[in-house]
Amino acid sequence: MLLKNKQVAIIGGGPGGLTLARLLQQMDIDVKVYERDANRNARVQGAPLDLHEHSGLAAIRKAGLLDAFKNNYMPEADKTTITDENGEVVFSDHDLERMKEEDFGHEHFRPEIDRGALRKILLDSLHPENIIWDSQFLFMEKQKDGWRLHFKNGSEAYADLVIGADGANSKIRPYITGINAFYSGITMLEGNIDDAEQQVPEITRLLRGGKLMAFGNEKNILMGQKAGGEIGFYASFKTEENWAKRSGLDFSSRLQVLEWFKKEYTGWSDIWYRLFENTSAPFIPRPINCMPLDQTWNSLPDATMIGDAAHLMPPFAGEGVNMAMLDALELSESLTSSQHISIYEAIISYETAMRKRASEMAMESLKNGEMMHHANALSTMSGFFGATR
């Protein structure tokens, strides 16, 4: 085996990194995940994740965690409601007869799971000694045939193979390529509401425990049910890349952000005001970036990357976490395959295939982003979802 007597370091304990660690652990490979969070109870932000049959769920199956996933996913959270800017429903699949495709094993079933729940499943599957908390990566330097890793807490570690799973702002990526992401033209302003049923009852009635998309005047509000009665939402709009700075907004001020919404989302109903009035501040501005679709680099024999570190893309196709988990699956298979004569060859094989499929998904995400922020987005998106049913 290529990784026999080798030490593997995964930088970043998100879904992709933890999935890869689980898959390598199953092969009795010496693997460590270095995570910047202080411990496993650190708060996990972000919307729920929908896993796809041939990517995220395929990795879950290979990791032997499908039963655990079934015990923790959120039934009905994959249901969708589409409204106009006034909150008038133009499409909903909540009351449609359940189709047999809405079950595990079917290509179009995309079950949703809370990020925290998925993280717990993956953490519970790892030996405690295989994840090193409070390890914020600073830099690495060549040592022998591998790398000496340095962390903010002053600790160091050696690894024969380093895998960057540290997200959009990866500190590992610059060791592999100098290619940077570009701005897509879209920014999303994130908010989260605790105890949503109590705080925003009219919104939760629209949401119905699933996902909601509101379209109007080339702008969106996108939201989804989270665990514990919380909902997360995004005001999504086209703007300049440095909007967050130039806006002059204090994102910890609900009043300021609400006044911005009233001005910028002209013609939108005051039903949406409740979101901004009840958000657990601060709001988080998120410029949506994407790696170039034609990116390539010369592979290294002792370092590679997965997930957003490798192929950051917009969220408008729901492929981000699925591509990361598929990366984990394909990289683990490549590194443990008898078809390759060296780790270097295994990495080349993985990266070549990864870049191709990630580019296709990124292109789809960019196209969807344009479609969702077009003047005809309401009719286009309701027609799209209606056609899929």
Foldseek 3Di string as FASTA:
>chain_A
DQQVVFEEEEEAQALLSLLLQLLVVVVVGHAAYEHQAQDLPPDDDDDWAWAFQPFRVVSCVSSVNVVLCVVAFDPPQAWEWEAALALHTPDTCSPPDDDPCCDHPHGPHTIIGARSSSSVSSCVSDDVVRYDYNFAWDDWDDDDQWIWTAGPVGDIDTGNAYAYAPAQPTPQLVVFDPFHWDFLQKKKKKFKFAQCCVQQVVVCVSQVQYWYWYDAPLWIKTKGDHPRNMIMIITMHGDDPPCVVVVPDDQQDLVRVLVVCCVPVPPGHCSCNSRSVRTNDRIDMGGQIWTDLPDDGQFDQHYYYAFSSLTRAGPLVSCRSRRSSNLSVQLSCLSPDPVDPHSRRSRVVSSVVSSNVSSVVRVVSSVSSSLCSDNCNSVVVSVVVVVVD
